[in-house]
Amino acid sequence: MALTVGMLGEARLTVGEEQTAAAFGAGGVHVLGTPAMIGLMENAAWLLVQPELPPGETTVGTVVHVRHLAATPVGGHVIATAELVEVDGRRLVFRISARDDTQLIGDGTHERFRIVLERFLARLPEPPKG
């Protein structure tokens, strides 16, 4: 189990109404919303590293710097890619991008942090009672 600079991963999505900017309440436009694109990019990074981690470990996103460059209509296909470009202890840095059927629609960088899930969850505050 080794995380190696240069590893590549991807995640795919067919844009549905639930992934549109309108569904997120961000402008009312029925095209792929930026939050959905970012989520797909994060998923590509997570899918890349998760199989290489020991049982009980996972990663959480901590930083996202992204440009959303072009609109993708409902029914369009999107492929997000992540390339591991830096391993700094528990901090992992990725170059991320997304393409639809015709063009590059987004790019940027993303950082994830390795965690032991049980310890992470144990530190969460209790939800409010109500």
N, C-alpha and C. Protein backbone atom coordinates (compact mmCIF):
# COMPACT_ATOMS: atom_id res chain seq x y z
N MET A 1 0.84 -1.18 0.00
CA MET A 1 0.00 0.00 0.00
C MET A 1 0.88 1.24 0.00
N ALA A 2 0.98 1.87 -1.16
CA ALA A 2 1.85 3.03 -1.26
C ALA A 2 1.18 4.13 -2.07
N LEU A 3 1.25 5.32 -1.54
CA LEU A 3 0.79 6.49 -2.27
C LEU A 3 1.98 7.07 -3.00
N THR A 4 1.88 7.16 -4.32
CA THR A 4 3.00 7.57 -5.15
C THR A 4 2.62 8.77 -5.99
N VAL A 5 3.49 9.79 -5.98
CA VAL A 5 3.28 10.94 -6.85
C VAL A 5 3.14 10.44 -8.28
N GLY A 6 2.18 10.99 -8.99
CA GLY A 6 1.93 10.59 -10.37
C GLY A 6 0.74 9.66 -10.53
N MET A 7 0.23 9.10 -9.41
CA MET A 7 -0.95 8.24 -9.50
C MET A 7 -2.12 9.05 -10.07
N LEU A 8 -2.95 8.39 -10.88
CA LEU A 8 -4.10 9.03 -11.51
C LEU A 8 -5.38 8.32 -11.13
N GLY A 9 -6.45 9.09 -10.95
CA GLY A 9 -7.76 8.53 -10.68
C GLY A 9 -8.83 9.34 -11.39
N GLU A 10 -10.02 8.77 -11.48
CA GLU A 10 -11.11 9.49 -12.12
C GLU A 10 -12.45 9.12 -11.52
N ALA A 11 -13.41 9.99 -11.75
CA ALA A 11 -14.80 9.76 -11.38
C ALA A 11 -15.66 10.31 -12.51
N ARG A 12 -16.80 9.67 -12.74
CA ARG A 12 -17.66 10.03 -13.88
C ARG A 12 -19.07 10.37 -13.40
N LEU A 13 -19.74 11.18 -14.22
CA LEU A 13 -21.09 11.63 -13.88
C LEU A 13 -21.84 11.97 -15.16
N THR A 14 -23.11 11.56 -15.23
CA THR A 14 -24.02 12.08 -16.23
C THR A 14 -24.86 13.13 -15.52
N VAL A 15 -24.84 14.35 -16.02
CA VAL A 15 -25.49 15.46 -15.33
C VAL A 15 -27.00 15.25 -15.31
N GLY A 16 -27.53 15.23 -14.10
CA GLY A 16 -28.97 15.16 -13.89
C GLY A 16 -29.46 16.48 -13.29
N GLU A 17 -30.73 16.63 -13.23
CA GLU A 17 -31.31 17.85 -12.68
C GLU A 17 -30.81 18.13 -11.26
N GLU A 18 -30.53 17.07 -10.49
CA GLU A 18 -30.08 17.24 -9.10
C GLU A 18 -28.67 17.80 -8.98
N GLN A 19 -27.90 17.80 -10.07
CA GLN A 19 -26.55 18.37 -10.04
C GLN A 19 -26.49 19.77 -10.64
N THR A 20 -27.61 20.36 -10.99
CA THR A 20 -27.59 21.67 -11.64
C THR A 20 -27.43 22.81 -10.64
N ALA A 21 -27.00 23.94 -11.16
CA ALA A 21 -26.91 25.15 -10.34
C ALA A 21 -28.27 25.48 -9.75
N ALA A 22 -29.33 25.27 -10.52
CA ALA A 22 -30.69 25.54 -10.03
C ALA A 22 -31.00 24.69 -8.81
N ALA A 23 -30.60 23.42 -8.82
CA ALA A 23 -30.87 22.54 -7.68
C ALA A 23 -30.13 22.99 -6.43
N PHE A 24 -28.97 23.61 -6.60
CA PHE A 24 -28.19 24.10 -5.46
C PHE A 24 -28.64 25.49 -5.01
N GLY A 25 -29.60 26.07 -5.73
CA GLY A 25 -30.04 27.41 -5.38
C GLY A 25 -29.00 28.46 -5.73
N ALA A 26 -28.22 28.18 -6.78
CA ALA A 26 -27.12 29.06 -7.14
C ALA A 26 -27.31 29.61 -8.55
N GLY A 27 -28.35 30.40 -8.73
CA GLY A 27 -28.50 31.08 -10.01
C GLY A 27 -29.65 30.61 -10.86
N GLY A 28 -30.26 29.49 -10.55
CA GLY A 28 -31.42 29.06 -11.31
C GLY A 28 -31.14 28.53 -12.70
N VAL A 29 -29.87 28.27 -13.03
CA VAL A 29 -29.52 27.79 -14.36
C VAL A 29 -29.46 26.26 -14.35
N HIS A 30 -30.01 25.65 -15.39
CA HIS A 30 -30.08 24.20 -15.46
C HIS A 30 -28.88 23.62 -16.22
N VAL A 31 -27.69 23.86 -15.66
CA VAL A 31 -26.42 23.30 -16.14
C VAL A 31 -25.68 22.79 -14.91
N LEU A 32 -24.63 22.00 -15.12
CA LEU A 32 -23.86 21.45 -14.00
C LEU A 32 -23.44 22.57 -13.06
N GLY A 33 -23.81 22.44 -11.79
CA GLY A 33 -23.44 23.43 -10.79
C GLY A 33 -22.00 23.25 -10.33
N THR A 34 -21.39 24.35 -9.97
CA THR A 34 -20.01 24.30 -9.49
C THR A 34 -19.86 23.37 -8.29
N PRO A 35 -20.78 23.38 -7.30
CA PRO A 35 -20.62 22.44 -6.18
C PRO A 35 -20.59 20.97 -6.63
N ALA A 36 -21.39 20.62 -7.63
CA ALA A 36 -21.39 19.24 -8.11
C ALA A 36 -20.09 18.91 -8.83
N MET A 37 -19.56 19.87 -9.60
CA MET A 37 -18.30 19.64 -10.29
C MET A 37 -17.17 19.44 -9.27
N ILE A 38 -17.15 20.29 -8.25
CA ILE A 38 -16.12 20.16 -7.21
C ILE A 38 -16.26 18.82 -6.49
N GLY A 39 -17.49 18.44 -6.18
CA GLY A 39 -17.71 17.15 -5.53
C GLY A 39 -17.18 15.99 -6.36
N LEU A 40 -17.39 16.05 -7.67
CA LEU A 40 -16.89 14.99 -8.55
C LEU A 40 -15.37 14.98 -8.57
N MET A 41 -14.76 16.15 -8.58
CA MET A 41 -13.29 16.24 -8.54
C MET A 41 -12.76 15.66 -7.23
N GLU A 42 -13.40 16.01 -6.11
CA GLU A 42 -12.99 15.45 -4.82
C GLU A 42 -13.14 13.94 -4.81
N ASN A 43 -14.22 13.46 -5.42
CA ASN A 43 -14.46 12.02 -5.47
C ASN A 43 -13.37 11.32 -6.26
N ALA A 44 -12.90 11.93 -7.35
CA ALA A 44 -11.81 11.33 -8.13
C ALA A 44 -10.56 11.18 -7.27
N ALA A 45 -10.26 12.20 -6.45
CA ALA A 45 -9.09 12.13 -5.57
C ALA A 45 -9.28 11.06 -4.50
N TRP A 46 -10.45 11.03 -3.89
CA TRP A 46 -10.73 10.04 -2.84
C TRP A 46 -10.65 8.62 -3.41
N LEU A 47 -11.29 8.41 -4.56
CA LEU A 47 -11.26 7.07 -5.17
C LEU A 47 -9.84 6.63 -5.52
N LEU A 48 -8.98 7.59 -5.86
CA LEU A 48 -7.59 7.29 -6.19
C LEU A 48 -6.84 6.73 -4.99
N VAL A 49 -6.97 7.38 -3.84
CA VAL A 49 -6.13 7.00 -2.70
C VAL A 49 -6.75 5.97 -1.76
N GLN A 50 -8.07 5.92 -1.69
CA GLN A 50 -8.71 5.05 -0.68
C GLN A 50 -8.24 3.60 -0.74
N PRO A 51 -8.12 2.99 -1.93
CA PRO A 51 -7.67 1.58 -1.96
C PRO A 51 -6.25 1.38 -1.44
N GLU A 52 -5.45 2.44 -1.37
CA GLU A 52 -4.06 2.33 -0.93
C GLU A 52 -3.90 2.54 0.57
N LEU A 53 -4.97 2.89 1.27
CA LEU A 53 -4.88 3.18 2.70
C LEU A 53 -5.16 1.94 3.53
N PRO A 54 -4.59 1.87 4.73
CA PRO A 54 -4.87 0.73 5.60
C PRO A 54 -6.32 0.77 6.09
N PRO A 55 -6.85 -0.38 6.50
CA PRO A 55 -8.21 -0.41 7.03
C PRO A 55 -8.36 0.60 8.19
N GLY A 56 -9.49 1.27 8.22
CA GLY A 56 -9.75 2.24 9.28
C GLY A 56 -9.30 3.65 8.94
N GLU A 57 -8.54 3.81 7.85
CA GLU A 57 -8.11 5.14 7.42
C GLU A 57 -8.94 5.59 6.23
N THR A 58 -9.08 6.90 6.11
CA THR A 58 -9.69 7.51 4.94
C THR A 58 -9.06 8.89 4.78
N THR A 59 -9.60 9.69 3.90
CA THR A 59 -9.13 11.06 3.73
C THR A 59 -10.32 12.00 3.77
N VAL A 60 -10.05 13.23 4.18
CA VAL A 60 -11.06 14.28 4.14
C VAL A 60 -10.49 15.45 3.35
N GLY A 61 -11.37 16.12 2.62
CA GLY A 61 -10.96 17.30 1.86
C GLY A 61 -10.73 18.47 2.80
N THR A 62 -9.67 19.24 2.54
CA THR A 62 -9.35 20.39 3.38
C THR A 62 -9.19 21.68 2.59
N VAL A 63 -8.79 21.59 1.32
CA VAL A 63 -8.60 22.79 0.50
C VAL A 63 -9.02 22.47 -0.93
N VAL A 64 -9.74 23.42 -1.55
CA VAL A 64 -10.10 23.30 -2.96
C VAL A 64 -9.89 24.66 -3.61
N HIS A 65 -9.11 24.69 -4.68
CA HIS A 65 -8.95 25.89 -5.51
C HIS A 65 -9.33 25.48 -6.93
N VAL A 66 -10.47 25.98 -7.40
CA VAL A 66 -11.01 25.50 -8.67
C VAL A 66 -11.52 26.65 -9.52
N ARG A 67 -11.32 26.52 -10.83
CA ARG A 67 -11.96 27.40 -11.80
C ARG A 67 -13.03 26.58 -12.53
N HIS A 68 -14.24 27.12 -12.64
CA HIS A 68 -15.29 26.48 -13.44
C HIS A 68 -15.33 27.25 -14.75
N LEU A 69 -14.91 26.61 -15.84
CA LEU A 69 -14.61 27.28 -17.09
C LEU A 69 -15.71 27.25 -18.14
N ALA A 70 -16.59 26.25 -18.09
CA ALA A 70 -17.60 26.10 -19.13
C ALA A 70 -18.81 25.37 -18.58
N ALA A 71 -19.96 25.63 -19.19
CA ALA A 71 -21.23 25.02 -18.76
C ALA A 71 -21.42 23.66 -19.42
N THR A 72 -22.04 22.74 -18.67
CA THR A 72 -22.38 21.42 -19.18
C THR A 72 -23.88 21.21 -18.97
N PRO A 73 -24.63 20.91 -20.03
CA PRO A 73 -26.08 20.78 -19.89
C PRO A 73 -26.49 19.46 -19.22
N VAL A 74 -27.73 19.42 -18.76
CA VAL A 74 -28.32 18.19 -18.24
C VAL A 74 -28.20 17.13 -19.35
N GLY A 75 -27.78 15.94 -18.97
CA GLY A 75 -27.56 14.85 -19.92
C GLY A 75 -26.12 14.75 -20.39
N GLY A 76 -25.33 15.80 -20.14
CA GLY A 76 -23.92 15.77 -20.53
C GLY A 76 -23.13 14.82 -19.64
N HIS A 77 -22.03 14.33 -20.17
CA HIS A 77 -21.16 13.41 -19.43
C HIS A 77 -19.91 14.16 -18.98
N VAL A 78 -19.54 13.96 -17.72
CA VAL A 78 -18.37 14.63 -17.15
C VAL A 78 -17.42 13.59 -16.57
N ILE A 79 -16.14 13.76 -16.85
CA ILE A 79 -15.10 12.92 -16.25
C ILE A 79 -14.17 13.85 -15.48
N ALA A 80 -14.05 13.60 -14.20
CA ALA A 80 -13.10 14.34 -13.36
C ALA A 80 -11.87 13.48 -13.18
N THR A 81 -10.71 14.10 -13.25
CA THR A 81 -9.46 13.38 -13.02
C THR A 81 -8.69 14.03 -11.88
N ALA A 82 -7.95 13.21 -11.17
CA ALA A 82 -7.10 13.67 -10.09
C ALA A 82 -5.73 13.02 -10.26
N GLU A 83 -4.70 13.84 -10.13
CA GLU A 83 -3.33 13.34 -10.15
C GLU A 83 -2.69 13.70 -8.83
N LEU A 84 -2.16 12.71 -8.13
CA LEU A 84 -1.45 12.97 -6.88
C LEU A 84 -0.11 13.62 -7.21
N VAL A 85 0.07 14.87 -6.75
CA VAL A 85 1.29 15.61 -7.09
C VAL A 85 2.21 15.84 -5.90
N GLU A 86 1.71 15.61 -4.68
CA GLU A 86 2.56 15.80 -3.50
C GLU A 86 2.03 14.95 -2.35
N VAL A 87 2.96 14.31 -1.65
CA VAL A 87 2.65 13.60 -0.41
C VAL A 87 3.54 14.21 0.66
N ASP A 88 2.92 14.86 1.63
CA ASP A 88 3.64 15.55 2.70
C ASP A 88 3.08 15.03 4.02
N GLY A 89 3.62 13.89 4.48
CA GLY A 89 3.07 13.26 5.67
C GLY A 89 1.63 12.83 5.40
N ARG A 90 0.71 13.34 6.21
CA ARG A 90 -0.70 12.99 6.03
C ARG A 90 -1.42 13.89 5.03
N ARG A 91 -0.76 14.94 4.57
CA ARG A 91 -1.35 15.87 3.59
C ARG A 91 -1.06 15.39 2.18
N LEU A 92 -2.13 15.32 1.37
CA LEU A 92 -2.02 14.87 -0.02
C LEU A 92 -2.51 16.00 -0.92
N VAL A 93 -1.75 16.30 -1.97
CA VAL A 93 -2.10 17.38 -2.89
C VAL A 93 -2.34 16.79 -4.27
N PHE A 94 -3.42 17.24 -4.91
CA PHE A 94 -3.83 16.73 -6.21
C PHE A 94 -3.97 17.86 -7.22
N ARG A 95 -3.65 17.59 -8.47
CA ARG A 95 -4.03 18.43 -9.59
C ARG A 95 -5.33 17.82 -10.10
N ILE A 96 -6.38 18.62 -10.22
CA ILE A 96 -7.68 18.11 -10.60
C ILE A 96 -8.19 18.83 -11.85
N SER A 97 -9.01 18.12 -12.61
CA SER A 97 -9.65 18.72 -13.77
C SER A 97 -10.93 17.97 -14.07
N ALA A 98 -11.78 18.61 -14.88
CA ALA A 98 -13.02 17.98 -15.32
C ALA A 98 -13.25 18.35 -16.78
N ARG A 99 -13.70 17.36 -17.54
CA ARG A 99 -14.01 17.55 -18.97
C ARG A 99 -15.42 17.03 -19.21
N ASP A 100 -16.13 17.69 -20.11
CA ASP A 100 -17.41 17.14 -20.53
C ASP A 100 -17.24 16.53 -21.91
N ASP A 101 -18.33 16.33 -22.62
CA ASP A 101 -18.27 15.67 -23.92
C ASP A 101 -17.46 16.44 -24.95
N THR A 102 -17.24 17.73 -24.72
CA THR A 102 -16.59 18.54 -25.74
C THR A 102 -15.36 19.32 -25.29
N GLN A 103 -15.21 19.58 -23.97
CA GLN A 103 -14.15 20.51 -23.58
C GLN A 103 -13.78 20.39 -22.10
N LEU A 104 -12.67 21.04 -21.77
CA LEU A 104 -12.28 21.19 -20.37
C LEU A 104 -13.28 22.14 -19.71
N ILE A 105 -13.88 21.71 -18.59
CA ILE A 105 -14.87 22.57 -17.92
C ILE A 105 -14.39 23.09 -16.58
N GLY A 106 -13.31 22.51 -16.03
CA GLY A 106 -12.81 22.99 -14.76
C GLY A 106 -11.42 22.44 -14.47
N ASP A 107 -10.67 23.20 -13.67
CA ASP A 107 -9.35 22.72 -13.25
C ASP A 107 -8.96 23.40 -11.95
N GLY A 108 -7.94 22.85 -11.31
CA GLY A 108 -7.46 23.43 -10.07
C GLY A 108 -6.63 22.47 -9.26
N THR A 109 -6.59 22.73 -7.96
CA THR A 109 -5.86 21.88 -7.02
C THR A 109 -6.77 21.53 -5.85
N HIS A 110 -6.42 20.44 -5.20
CA HIS A 110 -7.22 19.94 -4.08
C HIS A 110 -6.28 19.29 -3.08
N GLU A 111 -6.52 19.53 -1.80
CA GLU A 111 -5.76 18.87 -0.75
C GLU A 111 -6.70 18.01 0.08
N ARG A 112 -6.19 16.86 0.46
CA ARG A 112 -6.90 15.95 1.36
C ARG A 112 -5.95 15.60 2.50
N PHE A 113 -6.50 15.21 3.62
CA PHE A 113 -5.73 14.88 4.80
C PHE A 113 -6.08 13.47 5.23
N ARG A 114 -5.08 12.64 5.45
CA ARG A 114 -5.31 11.27 5.93
C ARG A 114 -5.75 11.30 7.39
N ILE A 115 -6.78 10.52 7.69
CA ILE A 115 -7.28 10.43 9.06
C ILE A 115 -7.55 8.97 9.43
N VAL A 116 -7.54 8.72 10.74
CA VAL A 116 -8.06 7.46 11.27
C VAL A 116 -9.51 7.76 11.60
N LEU A 117 -10.42 7.13 10.90
CA LEU A 117 -11.83 7.48 10.95
C LEU A 117 -12.40 7.43 12.37
N GLU A 118 -12.11 6.40 13.11
CA GLU A 118 -12.66 6.26 14.46
C GLU A 118 -12.23 7.43 15.36
N ARG A 119 -10.96 7.79 15.32
CA ARG A 119 -10.47 8.93 16.14
C ARG A 119 -11.11 10.24 15.68
N PHE A 120 -11.23 10.42 14.37
CA PHE A 120 -11.84 11.63 13.81
C PHE A 120 -13.28 11.78 14.29
N LEU A 121 -14.05 10.70 14.19
CA LEU A 121 -15.45 10.75 14.59
C LEU A 121 -15.60 10.94 16.09
N ALA A 122 -14.68 10.40 16.87
CA ALA A 122 -14.75 10.54 18.33
C ALA A 122 -14.57 11.98 18.78
N ARG A 123 -13.93 12.81 17.97
CA ARG A 123 -13.68 14.21 18.32
C ARG A 123 -14.83 15.14 17.95
N LEU A 124 -15.80 14.64 17.21
CA LEU A 124 -16.91 15.50 16.80
C LEU A 124 -17.78 15.86 18.00
N PRO A 125 -18.30 17.09 18.03
CA PRO A 125 -19.20 17.46 19.14
C PRO A 125 -20.52 16.70 19.02
N GLU A 126 -21.19 16.57 20.14
CA GLU A 126 -22.52 15.96 20.15
C GLU A 126 -23.49 16.86 19.43
N PRO A 127 -24.41 16.31 18.62
CA PRO A 127 -25.40 17.17 17.96
C PRO A 127 -26.34 17.79 18.99
N PRO A 128 -26.86 18.98 18.72
CA PRO A 128 -27.78 19.61 19.66
C PRO A 128 -29.05 18.78 19.82
N LYS A 129 -29.55 18.77 21.01
CA LYS A 129 -30.79 18.04 21.29
C LYS A 129 -31.95 19.00 21.02
N GLY A 130 -32.99 18.50 20.44
CA GLY A 130 -34.07 19.44 20.19
C GLY A 130 -35.16 18.83 19.53
